[in-house]
């Protein structure tokens, strides 16, 4: 079974009662930033193995959107830390 996007991020953490652990806003956004950075790295690493059409989609659409998303979440995290 493939790892889910949140695996290892802390977002999926469960308490002793089996219920999700509530993270504060900065922890949650920080976890989101890490997941999004990891996904960005995956997009970038995949470029050499893709055919031309898929590579174009990833380079022109997905990577710029992912970078923008990481930047927005990082800015939100900075505001929460202030």
PDB file of N, CA and C in Angstrom:
ATOM      1  N   UNK A   1       0.843  -1.180   0.000  1.00  0.00           N
ATOM      2  CA  UNK A   1       0.000   0.000   0.000  1.00  0.00           C
ATOM      3  C   UNK A   1       0.887   1.241   0.000  1.00  0.00           C
ATOM      4  N   UNK A   2       0.577   2.209  -0.855  1.00  0.00           N
ATOM      5  CA  UNK A   2       1.371   3.435  -0.959  1.00  0.00           C
ATOM      6  C   UNK A   2       1.122   4.329   0.252  1.00  0.00           C
ATOM      7  N   UNK A   3       2.156   5.086   0.594  1.00  0.00           N
ATOM      8  CA  UNK A   3       2.041   6.022   1.714  1.00  0.00           C
ATOM      9  C   UNK A   3       1.097   7.146   1.332  1.00  0.00           C
ATOM     10  N   UNK A   4       0.263   7.539   2.266  1.00  0.00           N
ATOM     11  CA  UNK A   4      -0.633   8.662   2.031  1.00  0.00           C
ATOM     12  C   UNK A   4       0.132   9.967   2.084  1.00  0.00           C
ATOM     13  N   UNK A   5      -0.457  11.051   1.589  1.00  0.00           N
ATOM     14  CA  UNK A   5       0.257  12.324   1.554  1.00  0.00           C
ATOM     15  C   UNK A   5       0.608  12.873   2.920  1.00  0.00           C
ATOM     16  N   UNK A   6      -0.118  12.456   3.967  1.00  0.00           N
ATOM     17  CA  UNK A   6       0.117  12.981   5.306  1.00  0.00           C
ATOM     18  C   UNK A   6       1.064  12.118   6.113  1.00  0.00           C
ATOM     19  N   UNK A   7       1.405  10.926   5.609  1.00  0.00           N
ATOM     20  CA  UNK A   7       2.232  10.015   6.392  1.00  0.00           C
ATOM     21  C   UNK A   7       3.554  10.672   6.779  1.00  0.00           C
ATOM     22  N   UNK A   8       3.860  10.611   8.040  1.00  0.00           N
ATOM     23  CA  UNK A   8       5.097  11.195   8.544  1.00  0.00           C
ATOM     24  C   UNK A   8       5.017  12.681   8.811  1.00  0.00           C
ATOM     25  N   UNK A   9       3.860  13.293   8.579  1.00  0.00           N
ATOM     26  CA  UNK A   9       3.742  14.738   8.740  1.00  0.00           C
ATOM     27  C   UNK A   9       3.306  15.147  10.138  1.00  0.00           C
ATOM     28  N   UNK A  10       2.763  14.212  10.911  1.00  0.00           N
ATOM     29  CA  UNK A  10       2.226  14.548  12.213  1.00  0.00           C
ATOM     30  C   UNK A  10       0.746  14.878  12.162  1.00  0.00           C
ATOM     31  N   UNK A  11       0.223  15.137  10.980  1.00  0.00           N
ATOM     32  CA  UNK A  11      -1.177  15.489  10.846  1.00  0.00           C
ATOM     33  C   UNK A  11      -2.065  14.305  11.184  1.00  0.00           C
ATOM     34  N   UNK A  12      -1.593  13.104  10.859  1.00  0.00           N
ATOM     35  CA  UNK A  12      -2.405  11.926  11.080  1.00  0.00           C
ATOM     36  C   UNK A  12      -2.218  11.333  12.470  1.00  0.00           C
ATOM     37  N   UNK A  13      -1.535  12.045  13.350  1.00  0.00           N
ATOM     38  CA  UNK A  13      -1.244  11.521  14.685  1.00  0.00           C
ATOM     39  C   UNK A  13      -2.531  11.167  15.423  1.00  0.00           C
ATOM     40  N   UNK A  14      -2.512  10.030  16.110  1.00  0.00           N
ATOM     41  CA  UNK A  14      -3.651   9.594  16.900  1.00  0.00           C
ATOM     42  C   UNK A  14      -3.263   9.550  18.369  1.00  0.00           C
ATOM     43  N   UNK A  15      -4.196   9.916  19.209  1.00  0.00           N
ATOM     44  CA  UNK A  15      -3.978   9.848  20.646  1.00  0.00           C
ATOM     45  C   UNK A  15      -4.170   8.425  21.141  1.00  0.00           C
ATOM     46  N   UNK A  16      -3.965   8.231  22.438  1.00  0.00           N
ATOM     47  CA  UNK A  16      -4.110   6.908  23.044  1.00  0.00           C
ATOM     48  C   UNK A  16      -5.521   6.357  22.875  1.00  0.00           C
ATOM     49  N   UNK A  17      -6.499   7.251  22.745  1.00  0.00           N
ATOM     50  CA  UNK A  17      -7.889   6.815  22.567  1.00  0.00           C
ATOM     51  C   UNK A  17      -8.233   6.507  21.115  1.00  0.00           C
ATOM     52  N   UNK A  18      -7.254   6.659  20.212  1.00  0.00           N
ATOM     53  CA  UNK A  18      -7.487   6.384  18.805  1.00  0.00           C
ATOM     54  C   UNK A  18      -8.086   7.537  18.028  1.00  0.00           C
ATOM     55  N   UNK A  19      -8.339   8.649  18.706  1.00  0.00           N
ATOM     56  CA  UNK A  19      -8.892   9.822  18.043  1.00  0.00           C
ATOM     57  C   UNK A  19      -7.765  10.724  17.566  1.00  0.00           C
ATOM     58  N   UNK A  20      -7.997  11.480  16.482  1.00  0.00           N
ATOM     59  CA  UNK A  20      -6.949  12.385  15.985  1.00  0.00           C
ATOM     60  C   UNK A  20      -6.547  13.402  17.043  1.00  0.00           C
ATOM     61  N   UNK A  21      -5.260  13.657  17.130  1.00  0.00           N
ATOM     62  CA  UNK A  21      -4.726  14.664  18.041  1.00  0.00           C
ATOM     63  C   UNK A  21      -4.905  16.024  17.376  1.00  0.00           C
ATOM     64  N   UNK A  22      -5.453  16.969  18.092  1.00  0.00           N
ATOM     65  CA  UNK A  22      -5.622  18.311  17.558  1.00  0.00           C
ATOM     66  C   UNK A  22      -4.290  19.053  17.641  1.00  0.00           C
ATOM     67  N   UNK A  23      -3.865  19.572  16.526  1.00  0.00           N
ATOM     68  CA  UNK A  23      -2.644  20.360  16.480  1.00  0.00           C
ATOM     69  C   UNK A  23      -3.031  21.829  16.516  1.00  0.00           C
ATOM     70  N   UNK A  24      -2.168  22.664  17.106  1.00  0.00           N
ATOM     71  CA  UNK A  24      -2.496  24.079  17.047  1.00  0.00           C
ATOM     72  C   UNK A  24      -2.264  24.570  15.622  1.00  0.00           C
ATOM     73  N   UNK A  25      -2.719  25.762  15.326  1.00  0.00           N
ATOM     74  CA  UNK A  25      -2.690  26.274  13.957  1.00  0.00           C
ATOM     75  C   UNK A  25      -1.295  26.274  13.358  1.00  0.00           C
ATOM     76  N   UNK A  26      -0.297  26.733  14.117  1.00  0.00           N
ATOM     77  CA  UNK A  26       1.053  26.794  13.555  1.00  0.00           C
ATOM     78  C   UNK A  26       1.612  25.395  13.305  1.00  0.00           C
ATOM     79  N   UNK A  27       1.313  24.448  14.181  1.00  0.00           N
ATOM     80  CA  UNK A  27       1.766  23.071  13.951  1.00  0.00           C
ATOM     81  C   UNK A  27       1.097  22.491  12.714  1.00  0.00           C
ATOM     82  N   UNK A  28      -0.195  22.732  12.577  1.00  0.00           N
ATOM     83  CA  UNK A  28      -0.935  22.211  11.441  1.00  0.00           C
ATOM     84  C   UNK A  28      -0.426  22.800  10.134  1.00  0.00           C
ATOM     85  N   UNK A  29      -0.287  24.124  10.080  1.00  0.00           N
ATOM     86  CA  UNK A  29       0.196  24.773   8.860  1.00  0.00           C
ATOM     87  C   UNK A  29       1.638  24.347   8.579  1.00  0.00           C
ATOM     88  N   UNK A  30       2.455  24.209   9.616  1.00  0.00           N
ATOM     89  CA  UNK A  30       3.820  23.723   9.428  1.00  0.00           C
ATOM     90  C   UNK A  30       3.846  22.335   8.827  1.00  0.00           C
ATOM     91  N   UNK A  31       2.946  21.472   9.282  1.00  0.00           N
ATOM     92  CA  UNK A  31       2.851  20.123   8.718  1.00  0.00           C
ATOM     93  C   UNK A  31       2.408  20.185   7.265  1.00  0.00           C
ATOM     94  N   UNK A  32       1.469  21.071   6.967  1.00  0.00           N
ATOM     95  CA  UNK A  32       1.035  21.238   5.579  1.00  0.00           C
ATOM     96  C   UNK A  32       2.189  21.694   4.689  1.00  0.00           C
ATOM     97  N   UNK A  33       2.970  22.654   5.177  1.00  0.00           N
ATOM     98  CA  UNK A  33       4.120  23.144   4.412  1.00  0.00           C
ATOM     99  C   UNK A  33       5.066  21.989   4.091  1.00  0.00           C
ATOM    100  N   UNK A  34       5.354  21.161   5.070  1.00  0.00           N
ATOM    101  CA  UNK A  34       6.272  20.037   4.842  1.00  0.00           C
ATOM    102  C   UNK A  34       5.721  19.050   3.822  1.00  0.00           C
ATOM    103  N   UNK A  35       4.432  18.762   3.893  1.00  0.00           N
ATOM    104  CA  UNK A  35       3.810  17.855   2.918  1.00  0.00           C
ATOM    105  C   UNK A  35       3.893  18.459   1.520  1.00  0.00           C
ATOM    106  N   UNK A  36       3.582  19.740   1.403  1.00  0.00           N
ATOM    107  CA  UNK A  36       3.604  20.393   0.100  1.00  0.00           C
ATOM    108  C   UNK A  36       5.027  20.484  -0.460  1.00  0.00           C
ATOM    109  N   UNK A  37       6.020  20.739   0.391  1.00  0.00           N
ATOM    110  CA  UNK A  37       7.414  20.754  -0.060  1.00  0.00           C
ATOM    111  C   UNK A  37       7.844  19.378  -0.546  1.00  0.00           C
ATOM    112  N   UNK A  38       7.423  18.347   0.164  1.00  0.00           N
ATOM    113  CA  UNK A  38       7.755  16.982  -0.234  1.00  0.00           C
ATOM    114  C   UNK A  38       7.134  16.656  -1.594  1.00  0.00           C
ATOM    115  N   UNK A  39       5.891  17.073  -1.795  1.00  0.00           N
ATOM    116  CA  UNK A  39       5.234  16.832  -3.077  1.00  0.00           C
ATOM    117  C   UNK A  39       5.886  17.624  -4.201  1.00  0.00           C
ATOM    118  N   UNK A  40       6.312  18.847  -3.921  1.00  0.00           N
ATOM    119  CA  UNK A  40       7.034  19.644  -4.915  1.00  0.00           C
ATOM    120  C   UNK A  40       8.313  18.928  -5.331  1.00  0.00           C
ATOM    121  N   UNK A  41       9.047  18.414  -4.369  1.00  0.00           N
ATOM    122  CA  UNK A  41      10.285  17.679  -4.678  1.00  0.00           C
ATOM    123  C   UNK A  41       9.985  16.448  -5.533  1.00  0.00           C
ATOM    124  N   UNK A  42       8.868  15.796  -5.279  1.00  0.00           N
ATOM    125  CA  UNK A  42       8.479  14.635  -6.097  1.00  0.00           C
ATOM    126  C   UNK A  42       8.182  15.049  -7.530  1.00  0.00           C
ATOM    127  N   UNK A  43       7.457  16.146  -7.700  1.00  0.00           N
ATOM    128  CA  UNK A  43       7.193  16.646  -9.056  1.00  0.00           C
ATOM    129  C   UNK A  43       8.509  16.922  -9.780  1.00  0.00           C
ATOM    130  N   UNK A  44       9.403  17.639  -9.115  1.00  0.00           N
ATOM    131  CA  UNK A  44      10.670  18.004  -9.741  1.00  0.00           C
ATOM    132  C   UNK A  44      11.505  16.770 -10.072  1.00  0.00           C
ATOM    133  N   UNK A  45      11.514  15.792  -9.192  1.00  0.00           N
ATOM    134  CA  UNK A  45      12.287  14.576  -9.419  1.00  0.00           C
ATOM    135  C   UNK A  45      11.711  13.727 -10.542  1.00  0.00           C
ATOM    136  N   UNK A  46      10.427  13.844 -10.801  1.00  0.00           N
ATOM    137  CA  UNK A  46       9.781  13.010 -11.817  1.00  0.00           C
ATOM    138  C   UNK A  46      10.006  13.505 -13.239  1.00  0.00           C
ATOM    139  N   UNK A  47      10.470  14.725 -13.401  1.00  0.00           N
ATOM    140  CA  UNK A  47      10.541  15.325 -14.728  1.00  0.00           C
ATOM    141  C   UNK A  47      11.318  14.484 -15.743  1.00  0.00           C
ATOM    142  N   UNK A  48      12.420  13.912 -15.333  1.00  0.00           N
ATOM    143  CA  UNK A  48      13.246  13.167 -16.295  1.00  0.00           C
ATOM    144  C   UNK A  48      12.626  11.846 -16.725  1.00  0.00           C
ATOM    145  N   UNK A  49      11.639  11.361 -15.975  1.00  0.00           N
ATOM    146  CA  UNK A  49      11.043  10.071 -16.318  1.00  0.00           C
ATOM    147  C   UNK A  49       9.704  10.202 -17.044  1.00  0.00           C
ATOM    148  N   UNK A  50       9.277  11.407 -17.316  1.00  0.00           N
ATOM    149  CA  UNK A  50       7.971  11.625 -17.940  1.00  0.00           C
ATOM    150  C   UNK A  50       8.087  11.800 -19.450  1.00  0.00           C
ATOM    151  N   UNK A  51       7.011  11.438 -20.164  1.00  0.00           N
ATOM    152  CA  UNK A  51       6.991  11.722 -21.596  1.00  0.00           C
ATOM    153  C   UNK A  51       6.789  13.226 -21.780  1.00  0.00           C
ATOM    154  N   UNK A  52       6.912  13.699 -23.013  1.00  0.00           N
ATOM    155  CA  UNK A  52       6.884  15.141 -23.273  1.00  0.00           C
ATOM    156  C   UNK A  52       5.592  15.811 -22.802  1.00  0.00           C
ATOM    157  N   UNK A  53       4.465  15.194 -23.063  1.00  0.00           N
ATOM    158  CA  UNK A  53       3.181  15.793 -22.695  1.00  0.00           C
ATOM    159  C   UNK A  53       3.025  15.893 -21.178  1.00  0.00           C
ATOM    160  N   UNK A  54       3.364  14.824 -20.489  1.00  0.00           N
ATOM    161  CA  UNK A  54       3.260  14.831 -19.027  1.00  0.00           C
ATOM    162  C   UNK A  54       4.262  15.804 -18.420  1.00  0.00           C
ATOM    163  N   UNK A  55       5.487  15.825 -18.951  1.00  0.00           N
ATOM    164  CA  UNK A  55       6.507  16.741 -18.432  1.00  0.00           C
ATOM    165  C   UNK A  55       6.058  18.188 -18.592  1.00  0.00           C
ATOM    166  N   UNK A  56       5.452  18.507 -19.737  1.00  0.00           N
ATOM    167  CA  UNK A  56       4.966  19.864 -19.966  1.00  0.00           C
ATOM    168  C   UNK A  56       3.898  20.244 -18.945  1.00  0.00           C
ATOM    169  N   UNK A  57       2.967  19.336 -18.679  1.00  0.00           N
ATOM    170  CA  UNK A  57       1.935  19.583 -17.678  1.00  0.00           C
ATOM    171  C   UNK A  57       2.558  19.842 -16.313  1.00  0.00           C
ATOM    172  N   UNK A  58       3.500  19.009 -15.930  1.00  0.00           N
ATOM    173  CA  UNK A  58       4.124  19.142 -14.614  1.00  0.00           C
ATOM    174  C   UNK A  58       4.927  20.437 -14.531  1.00  0.00           C
ATOM    175  N   UNK A  59       5.697  20.746 -15.576  1.00  0.00           N
ATOM    176  CA  UNK A  59       6.537  21.952 -15.556  1.00  0.00           C
ATOM    177  C   UNK A  59       5.738  23.245 -15.629  1.00  0.00           C
ATOM    178  N   UNK A  60       4.706  23.259 -16.455  1.00  0.00           N
ATOM    179  CA  UNK A  60       3.983  24.510 -16.713  1.00  0.00           C
ATOM    180  C   UNK A  60       2.821  24.730 -15.744  1.00  0.00           C
ATOM    181  N   UNK A  61       2.190  23.662 -15.301  1.00  0.00           N
ATOM    182  CA  UNK A  61       1.015  23.803 -14.450  1.00  0.00           C
ATOM    183  C   UNK A  61       1.266  23.420 -12.987  1.00  0.00           C
ATOM    184  N   UNK A  62       1.723  22.204 -12.779  1.00  0.00           N
ATOM    185  CA  UNK A  62       1.757  21.671 -11.413  1.00  0.00           C
ATOM    186  C   UNK A  62       2.865  22.257 -10.550  1.00  0.00           C
ATOM    187  N   UNK A  63       4.075  22.333 -11.076  1.00  0.00           N
ATOM    188  CA  UNK A  63       5.183  22.861 -10.265  1.00  0.00           C
ATOM    189  C   UNK A  63       4.945  24.328  -9.880  1.00  0.00           C
ATOM    190  N   UNK A  64       4.555  25.197 -10.822  1.00  0.00           N
ATOM    191  CA  UNK A  64       4.298  26.586 -10.401  1.00  0.00           C
ATOM    192  C   UNK A  64       3.175  26.704  -9.368  1.00  0.00           C
ATOM    193  N   UNK A  65       2.113  25.925  -9.527  1.00  0.00           N
ATOM    194  CA  UNK A  65       1.034  25.957  -8.536  1.00  0.00           C
ATOM    195  C   UNK A  65       1.524  25.474  -7.181  1.00  0.00           C
ATOM    196  N   UNK A  66       2.329  24.424  -7.200  1.00  0.00           N
ATOM    197  CA  UNK A  66       2.837  23.870  -5.943  1.00  0.00           C
ATOM    198  C   UNK A  66       3.762  24.879  -5.255  1.00  0.00           C
ATOM    199  N   UNK A  67       4.624  25.529  -6.028  1.00  0.00           N
ATOM    200  CA  UNK A  67       5.516  26.554  -5.455  1.00  0.00           C
ATOM    201  C   UNK A  67       4.706  27.697  -4.849  1.00  0.00           C
ATOM    202  N   UNK A  68       3.658  28.109  -5.546  1.00  0.00           N
ATOM    203  CA  UNK A  68       2.797  29.176  -5.039  1.00  0.00           C
ATOM    204  C   UNK A  68       2.103  28.745  -3.750  1.00  0.00           C
ATOM    205  N   UNK A  69       1.657  27.509  -3.719  1.00  0.00           N
ATOM    206  CA  UNK A  69       0.992  26.996  -2.532  1.00  0.00           C
ATOM    207  C   UNK A  69       1.956  26.951  -1.346  1.00  0.00           C
ATOM    208  N   UNK A  70       3.171  26.475  -1.582  1.00  0.00           N
ATOM    209  CA  UNK A  70       4.182  26.437  -0.518  1.00  0.00           C
ATOM    210  C   UNK A  70       4.458  27.856  -0.016  1.00  0.00           C
ATOM    211  N   UNK A  71       4.593  28.803  -0.937  1.00  0.00           N
ATOM    212  CA  UNK A  71       4.863  30.188  -0.541  1.00  0.00           C
ATOM    213  C   UNK A  71       3.710  30.754   0.292  1.00  0.00           C
ATOM    214  N   UNK A  72       2.486  30.491  -0.113  1.00  0.00           N
ATOM    215  CA  UNK A  72       1.333  30.979   0.637  1.00  0.00           C
ATOM    216  C   UNK A  72       1.246  30.379   2.026  1.00  0.00           C
ATOM    217  N   UNK A  73       1.465  29.077   2.115  1.00  0.00           N
ATOM    218  CA  UNK A  73       1.431  28.418   3.425  1.00  0.00           C
ATOM    219  C   UNK A  73       2.574  28.898   4.313  1.00  0.00           C
ATOM    220  N   UNK A  74       3.745  29.119   3.711  1.00  0.00           N
ATOM    221  CA  UNK A  74       4.892  29.615   4.479  1.00  0.00           C
ATOM    222  C   UNK A  74       4.604  31.009   5.013  1.00  0.00           C
ATOM    223  N   UNK A  75       3.983  31.865   4.205  1.00  0.00           N
ATOM    224  CA  UNK A  75       3.610  33.199   4.655  1.00  0.00           C
ATOM    225  C   UNK A  75       2.592  33.118   5.789  1.00  0.00           C
ATOM    226  N   UNK A  76       1.642  32.202   5.672  1.00  0.00           N
ATOM    227  CA  UNK A  76       0.648  32.009   6.737  1.00  0.00           C
ATOM    228  C   UNK A  76       1.333  31.559   8.021  1.00  0.00           C
ATOM    229  N   UNK A  77       2.293  30.659   7.892  1.00  0.00           N
ATOM    230  CA  UNK A  77       3.022  30.166   9.054  1.00  0.00           C
ATOM    231  C   UNK A  77       3.785  31.301   9.732  1.00  0.00           C
ATOM    232  N   UNK A  78       4.390  32.169   8.956  1.00  0.00           N
ATOM    233  CA  UNK A  78       5.108  33.317   9.519  1.00  0.00           C
ATOM    234  C   UNK A  78       4.157  34.247  10.274  1.00  0.00           C
ATOM    235  N   UNK A  79       2.962  34.453   9.723  1.00  0.00           N
ATOM    236  CA  UNK A  79       1.972  35.289  10.407  1.00  0.00           C
ATOM    237  C   UNK A  79       1.524  34.655  11.725  1.00  0.00           C
ATOM    238  N   UNK A  80       1.351  33.358  11.715  1.00  0.00           N
ATOM    239  CA  UNK A  80       0.943  32.667  12.937  1.00  0.00           C
ATOM    240  C   UNK A  80       2.038  32.717  14.008  1.00  0.00           C
ATOM    241  N   UNK A  81       3.291  32.743  13.565  1.00  0.00           N
ATOM    242  CA  UNK A  81       4.413  32.762  14.504  1.00  0.00           C
ATOM    243  C   UNK A  81       4.636  34.148  15.101  1.00  0.00           C
ATOM    244  N   UNK A  82       4.102  35.158  14.452  1.00  0.00           N
ATOM    245  CA  UNK A  82       4.321  36.543  14.906  1.00  0.00           C
ATOM    246  C   UNK A  82       3.509  36.876  16.135  1.00  0.00           C
TER     247      UNK A  82
END
